[in-house]
Amino acid sequence: METVHRLLAEGVFNELTMEEIADRAGVSRATLYQHFDSRLALVDMICDRFAVNPSLLAVRRAVRLDDYRAAVELVIENALGFWSSEEGVLSQLYGVVAIDPSARALVERQREDRRQEMETFARRLRRAGTLRDGVSERQAVARLMVLTSFETYRELGEAGLPVRERVKLLTSMAETALLA
């Protein structure tokens, strides 16, 4: 796992064969194939690793909080915390998503996992009556997806905002766009 993570962060994973990956990991090709039948399976393993990232676990807890203003801030803060902690790997994967099926699968899985959490959060906001007038649950999900996306995280980074300022800006935007 460490080797695959490092190769992804270095931006060379998509160029390597399974044999080269095995060599870099210090295992035989046969050993690698015993556990992973393809590069897609290796990337899927990285998804499993992401699933236990402390920031993603914190997002899952935050969407269930009853203090919705605090929840909004924690969702944004921890979504950005995840992007920040895995930026090197994710930059590479998002960059090759059009040409690498394993990268596409990881990005789609990650996006679907995030969508499920944002749907849970939007549903809770609607049920609690805390959604801004005129904002449907579907619109809330769309707004949350934009506010918590890797693309938004990166765009604000390109604008020169440090992570802490990105969190403040996106939290303010989320409160304005979502909460009554």
C-alpha atoms as a PDB file:
ATOM      1  CA  MET A   1       0.000   0.000   0.000  1.00  0.00           C
ATOM      2  CA  GLU A   2       2.793   2.416   0.896  1.00  0.00           C
ATOM      3  CA  THR A   3       4.511   1.838  -2.435  1.00  0.00           C
ATOM      4  CA  VAL A   4       1.339   2.389  -4.452  1.00  0.00           C
ATOM      5  CA  HIS A   5       0.558   5.521  -2.435  1.00  0.00           C
ATOM      6  CA  ARG A   6       4.092   6.850  -3.013  1.00  0.00           C
ATOM      7  CA  LEU A   7       4.000   6.043  -6.741  1.00  0.00           C
ATOM      8  CA  LEU A   8       0.676   7.823  -7.078  1.00  0.00           C
ATOM      9  CA  ALA A   9       2.019  10.877  -5.245  1.00  0.00           C
ATOM     10  CA  GLU A  10       5.126  10.883  -7.460  1.00  0.00           C
ATOM     11  CA  GLY A  11       2.911  10.782 -10.542  1.00  0.00           C
ATOM     12  CA  VAL A  12       4.450   7.652 -12.018  1.00  0.00           C
ATOM     13  CA  PHE A  13       1.893   4.998 -11.069  1.00  0.00           C
ATOM     14  CA  ASN A  14      -0.085   5.330 -14.305  1.00  0.00           C
ATOM     15  CA  GLU A  15       3.099   4.726 -16.325  1.00  0.00           C
ATOM     16  CA  LEU A  16       4.159   1.526 -14.562  1.00  0.00           C
ATOM     17  CA  THR A  17       3.273  -2.086 -15.234  1.00  0.00           C
ATOM     18  CA  MET A  18       2.273  -4.479 -12.486  1.00  0.00           C
ATOM     19  CA  GLU A  19       5.763  -5.995 -12.703  1.00  0.00           C
ATOM     20  CA  GLU A  20       7.414  -2.595 -12.188  1.00  0.00           C
ATOM     21  CA  ILE A  21       5.110  -1.889  -9.257  1.00  0.00           C
ATOM     22  CA  ALA A  22       6.048  -5.243  -7.719  1.00  0.00           C
ATOM     23  CA  ASP A  23       9.746  -4.433  -8.186  1.00  0.00           C
ATOM     24  CA  ARG A  24       9.325  -1.044  -6.505  1.00  0.00           C
ATOM     25  CA  ALA A  25       7.480  -2.708  -3.617  1.00  0.00           C
ATOM     26  CA  GLY A  26      10.204  -5.311  -3.239  1.00  0.00           C
ATOM     27  CA  VAL A  27       7.899  -8.263  -3.919  1.00  0.00           C
ATOM     28  CA  SER A  28       7.649 -10.715  -6.746  1.00  0.00           C
ATOM     29  CA  ARG A  29       5.149 -10.231  -9.537  1.00  0.00           C
ATOM     30  CA  ALA A  30       3.467 -13.477  -8.482  1.00  0.00           C
ATOM     31  CA  THR A  31       3.070 -12.218  -4.930  1.00  0.00           C
ATOM     32  CA  LEU A  32       1.518  -8.972  -6.156  1.00  0.00           C
ATOM     33  CA  TYR A  33      -0.901 -10.874  -8.412  1.00  0.00           C
ATOM     34  CA  GLN A  34      -1.867 -13.166  -5.522  1.00  0.00           C
ATOM     35  CA  HIS A  35      -3.345 -10.149  -3.765  1.00  0.00           C
ATOM     36  CA  PHE A  36      -4.233  -7.814  -6.634  1.00  0.00           C
ATOM     37  CA  ASP A  37      -5.278  -8.948 -10.075  1.00  0.00           C
ATOM     38  CA  SER A  38      -4.886  -5.525 -11.713  1.00  0.00           C
ATOM     39  CA  ARG A  39      -3.825  -1.926 -11.334  1.00  0.00           C
ATOM     40  CA  LEU A  40      -7.507  -1.153 -10.737  1.00  0.00           C
ATOM     41  CA  ALA A  41      -7.431  -3.445  -7.685  1.00  0.00           C
ATOM     42  CA  LEU A  42      -4.371  -1.577  -6.406  1.00  0.00           C
ATOM     43  CA  VAL A  43      -6.162   1.753  -6.727  1.00  0.00           C
ATOM     44  CA  ASP A  44      -9.246   0.262  -5.095  1.00  0.00           C
ATOM     45  CA  MET A  45      -7.019  -0.579  -2.140  1.00  0.00           C
ATOM     46  CA  ILE A  46      -6.072   3.098  -1.943  1.00  0.00           C
ATOM     47  CA  CYS A  47      -9.805   3.936  -1.801  1.00  0.00           C
ATOM     48  CA  ASP A  48     -10.106   1.625   1.177  1.00  0.00           C
ATOM     49  CA  ARG A  49      -7.211   3.466   2.782  1.00  0.00           C
ATOM     50  CA  PHE A  50      -8.891   6.808   2.096  1.00  0.00           C
ATOM     51  CA  ALA A  51     -12.078   5.522   3.741  1.00  0.00           C
ATOM     52  CA  VAL A  52     -10.334   5.443   7.116  1.00  0.00           C
ATOM     53  CA  ASN A  53      -8.650   8.814   6.739  1.00  0.00           C
ATOM     54  CA  PRO A  54      -9.339  10.732   9.984  1.00  0.00           C
ATOM     55  CA  SER A  55     -10.678  13.730   8.073  1.00  0.00           C
ATOM     56  CA  LEU A  56     -13.205  11.622   6.145  1.00  0.00           C
ATOM     57  CA  LEU A  57     -14.279   9.906   9.339  1.00  0.00           C
ATOM     58  CA  ALA A  58     -14.797  13.371  10.843  1.00  0.00           C
ATOM     59  CA  VAL A  59     -16.977  14.380   7.858  1.00  0.00           C
ATOM     60  CA  ARG A  60     -19.139  11.311   8.465  1.00  0.00           C
ATOM     61  CA  ARG A  61     -19.563  12.305  12.112  1.00  0.00           C
ATOM     62  CA  ALA A  62     -20.194  15.963  11.293  1.00  0.00           C
ATOM     63  CA  VAL A  63     -23.112  15.315   8.929  1.00  0.00           C
ATOM     64  CA  ARG A  64     -24.916  13.685  11.856  1.00  0.00           C
ATOM     65  CA  LEU A  65     -24.533  16.566  14.313  1.00  0.00           C
ATOM     66  CA  ASP A  66     -27.643  18.366  15.516  1.00  0.00           C
ATOM     67  CA  ASP A  67     -25.854  21.732  15.670  1.00  0.00           C
ATOM     68  CA  TYR A  68     -26.140  22.433  11.940  1.00  0.00           C
ATOM     69  CA  ARG A  69     -23.958  25.556  11.861  1.00  0.00           C
ATOM     70  CA  ALA A  70     -21.166  23.667  13.592  1.00  0.00           C
ATOM     71  CA  ALA A  71     -21.803  20.734  11.257  1.00  0.00           C
ATOM     72  CA  VAL A  72     -21.405  22.928   8.157  1.00  0.00           C
ATOM     73  CA  GLU A  73     -18.066  24.210   9.395  1.00  0.00           C
ATOM     74  CA  LEU A  74     -16.846  20.733  10.344  1.00  0.00           C
ATOM     75  CA  VAL A  75     -17.920  19.245   6.999  1.00  0.00           C
ATOM     76  CA  ILE A  76     -16.025  21.952   5.094  1.00  0.00           C
ATOM     77  CA  GLU A  77     -12.999  21.879   7.412  1.00  0.00           C
ATOM     78  CA  ASN A  78     -12.628  18.110   7.262  1.00  0.00           C
ATOM     79  CA  ALA A  79     -13.346  17.797   3.541  1.00  0.00           C
ATOM     80  CA  LEU A  80     -10.524  20.254   2.930  1.00  0.00           C
ATOM     81  CA  GLY A  81      -8.426  18.465   5.533  1.00  0.00           C
ATOM     82  CA  PHE A  82      -8.800  15.270   3.518  1.00  0.00           C
ATOM     83  CA  TRP A  83      -7.910  16.981   0.224  1.00  0.00           C
ATOM     84  CA  SER A  84      -4.890  18.557   1.900  1.00  0.00           C
ATOM     85  CA  SER A  85      -3.681  15.288   3.429  1.00  0.00           C
ATOM     86  CA  GLU A  86      -3.902  13.432   0.111  1.00  0.00           C
ATOM     87  CA  GLU A  87      -3.283  16.276  -2.334  1.00  0.00           C
ATOM     88  CA  GLY A  88      -0.240  14.698  -3.989  1.00  0.00           C
ATOM     89  CA  VAL A  89      -2.020  11.437  -4.741  1.00  0.00           C
ATOM     90  CA  LEU A  90      -5.302  13.025  -5.724  1.00  0.00           C
ATOM     91  CA  SER A  91      -3.683  15.589  -8.012  1.00  0.00           C
ATOM     92  CA  GLN A  92      -2.160  12.744  -9.987  1.00  0.00           C
ATOM     93  CA  LEU A  93      -5.341  10.703 -10.095  1.00  0.00           C
ATOM     94  CA  TYR A  94      -7.573  13.628 -11.045  1.00  0.00           C
ATOM     95  CA  GLY A  95      -5.008  14.611 -13.677  1.00  0.00           C
ATOM     96  CA  VAL A  96      -5.076  11.265 -15.501  1.00  0.00           C
ATOM     97  CA  VAL A  97      -8.733  10.413 -15.003  1.00  0.00           C
ATOM     98  CA  ALA A  98      -9.485  10.735 -18.734  1.00  0.00           C
ATOM     99  CA  ILE A  99      -6.856   8.204 -19.770  1.00  0.00           C
ATOM    100  CA  ASP A 100      -6.483   5.832 -16.835  1.00  0.00           C
ATOM    101  CA  PRO A 101      -9.458   3.590 -15.972  1.00  0.00           C
ATOM    102  CA  SER A 102      -8.070   2.891 -12.495  1.00  0.00           C
ATOM    103  CA  ALA A 103      -7.845   6.618 -11.727  1.00  0.00           C
ATOM    104  CA  ARG A 104     -11.344   7.164 -13.107  1.00  0.00           C
ATOM    105  CA  ALA A 105     -12.692   4.378 -10.898  1.00  0.00           C
ATOM    106  CA  LEU A 106     -11.081   5.857  -7.777  1.00  0.00           C
ATOM    107  CA  VAL A 107     -12.355   9.366  -8.494  1.00  0.00           C
ATOM    108  CA  GLU A 108     -15.863   8.077  -9.224  1.00  0.00           C
ATOM    109  CA  ARG A 109     -15.889   5.976  -6.044  1.00  0.00           C
ATOM    110  CA  GLN A 110     -14.620   8.874  -3.952  1.00  0.00           C
ATOM    111  CA  ARG A 111     -17.171  11.253  -5.490  1.00  0.00           C
ATOM    112  CA  GLU A 112     -20.018   8.799  -4.875  1.00  0.00           C
ATOM    113  CA  ASP A 113     -18.956   8.300  -1.252  1.00  0.00           C
ATOM    114  CA  ARG A 114     -18.889  12.080  -0.772  1.00  0.00           C
ATOM    115  CA  ARG A 115     -22.265  12.442  -2.505  1.00  0.00           C
ATOM    116  CA  GLN A 116     -23.836   9.926  -0.121  1.00  0.00           C
ATOM    117  CA  GLU A 117     -22.588  11.895   2.878  1.00  0.00           C
ATOM    118  CA  MET A 118     -23.776  15.197   1.392  1.00  0.00           C
ATOM    119  CA  GLU A 119     -27.201  13.645   0.653  1.00  0.00           C
ATOM    120  CA  THR A 120     -27.429  12.537   4.280  1.00  0.00           C
ATOM    121  CA  PHE A 121     -26.473  16.031   5.422  1.00  0.00           C
ATOM    122  CA  ALA A 122     -28.931  17.801   3.081  1.00  0.00           C
ATOM    123  CA  ARG A 123     -31.725  15.460   4.162  1.00  0.00           C
ATOM    124  CA  ARG A 124     -31.004  16.221   7.818  1.00  0.00           C
ATOM    125  CA  LEU A 125     -30.938  19.959   7.113  1.00  0.00           C
ATOM    126  CA  ARG A 126     -34.294  19.739   5.316  1.00  0.00           C
ATOM    127  CA  ARG A 127     -35.913  17.625   8.034  1.00  0.00           C
ATOM    128  CA  ALA A 128     -34.699  20.041  10.725  1.00  0.00           C
ATOM    129  CA  GLY A 129     -36.140  22.988   8.791  1.00  0.00           C
ATOM    130  CA  THR A 130     -32.743  24.694   8.631  1.00  0.00           C
ATOM    131  CA  LEU A 131     -32.407  24.900   4.846  1.00  0.00           C
ATOM    132  CA  ARG A 132     -32.675  28.418   3.460  1.00  0.00           C
ATOM    133  CA  ASP A 133     -36.094  29.208   1.942  1.00  0.00           C
ATOM    134  CA  GLY A 134     -36.232  28.203  -1.701  1.00  0.00           C
ATOM    135  CA  VAL A 135     -33.349  25.715  -1.436  1.00  0.00           C
ATOM    136  CA  SER A 136     -34.453  22.163  -2.135  1.00  0.00           C
ATOM    137  CA  GLU A 137     -32.676  19.121  -0.794  1.00  0.00           C
ATOM    138  CA  ARG A 138     -31.407  18.414  -4.310  1.00  0.00           C
ATOM    139  CA  GLN A 139     -30.017  21.947  -4.622  1.00  0.00           C
ATOM    140  CA  ALA A 140     -28.407  21.634  -1.186  1.00  0.00           C
ATOM    141  CA  VAL A 141     -26.621  18.466  -2.288  1.00  0.00           C
ATOM    142  CA  ALA A 142     -25.375  20.185  -5.464  1.00  0.00           C
ATOM    143  CA  ARG A 143     -24.087  23.158  -3.475  1.00  0.00           C
ATOM    144  CA  LEU A 144     -22.390  20.924  -0.918  1.00  0.00           C
ATOM    145  CA  MET A 145     -20.746  18.902  -3.671  1.00  0.00           C
ATOM    146  CA  VAL A 146     -19.280  22.064  -5.212  1.00  0.00           C
ATOM    147  CA  LEU A 147     -18.170  23.472  -1.865  1.00  0.00           C
ATOM    148  CA  THR A 148     -16.468  20.215  -0.815  1.00  0.00           C
ATOM    149  CA  SER A 149     -14.967  19.220  -4.172  1.00  0.00           C
ATOM    150  CA  PHE A 150     -11.303  18.658  -4.879  1.00  0.00           C
ATOM    151  CA  GLU A 151     -11.634  21.028  -7.802  1.00  0.00           C
ATOM    152  CA  THR A 152     -12.839  23.838  -5.506  1.00  0.00           C
ATOM    153  CA  TYR A 153     -10.078  23.042  -3.029  1.00  0.00           C
ATOM    154  CA  ARG A 154      -7.456  23.280  -5.775  1.00  0.00           C
ATOM    155  CA  GLU A 155      -8.920  26.397  -7.404  1.00  0.00           C
ATOM    156  CA  LEU A 156      -8.769  28.287  -4.108  1.00  0.00           C
ATOM    157  CA  GLY A 157      -5.217  27.044  -3.642  1.00  0.00           C
ATOM    158  CA  GLU A 158      -4.315  28.389  -7.091  1.00  0.00           C
ATOM    159  CA  ALA A 159      -5.736  31.736  -5.919  1.00  0.00           C
ATOM    160  CA  GLY A 160      -3.142  31.678  -3.158  1.00  0.00           C
ATOM    161  CA  LEU A 161      -5.448  30.993  -0.232  1.00  0.00           C
ATOM    162  CA  PRO A 162      -3.975  28.845   2.541  1.00  0.00           C
ATOM    163  CA  VAL A 163      -6.146  25.948   3.694  1.00  0.00           C
ATOM    164  CA  ARG A 164      -7.384  27.768   6.816  1.00  0.00           C
ATOM    165  CA  GLU A 165      -8.628  30.699   4.688  1.00  0.00           C
ATOM    166  CA  ARG A 166     -10.268  28.284   2.239  1.00  0.00           C
ATOM    167  CA  VAL A 167     -12.147  26.710   5.145  1.00  0.00           C
ATOM    168  CA  LYS A 168     -13.365  30.117   6.362  1.00  0.00           C
ATOM    169  CA  LEU A 169     -14.445  31.224   2.900  1.00  0.00           C
ATOM    170  CA  LEU A 170     -16.236  27.983   2.032  1.00  0.00           C
ATOM    171  CA  THR A 171     -17.899  27.778   5.444  1.00  0.00           C
ATOM    172  CA  SER A 172     -19.241  31.289   4.998  1.00  0.00           C
ATOM    173  CA  MET A 173     -20.445  30.442   1.497  1.00  0.00           C
ATOM    174  CA  ALA A 174     -22.090  27.240   2.730  1.00  0.00           C
ATOM    175  CA  GLU A 175     -23.910  29.049   5.519  1.00  0.00           C
ATOM    176  CA  THR A 176     -25.137  31.727   3.094  1.00  0.00           C
ATOM    177  CA  ALA A 177     -26.136  29.221   0.412  1.00  0.00           C
ATOM    178  CA  LEU A 178     -27.751  26.648   2.693  1.00  0.00           C
ATOM    179  CA  LEU A 179     -28.857  27.773   6.121  1.00  0.00           C
ATOM    180  CA  ALA A 180     -31.948  29.730   7.101  1.00  0.00           C
END
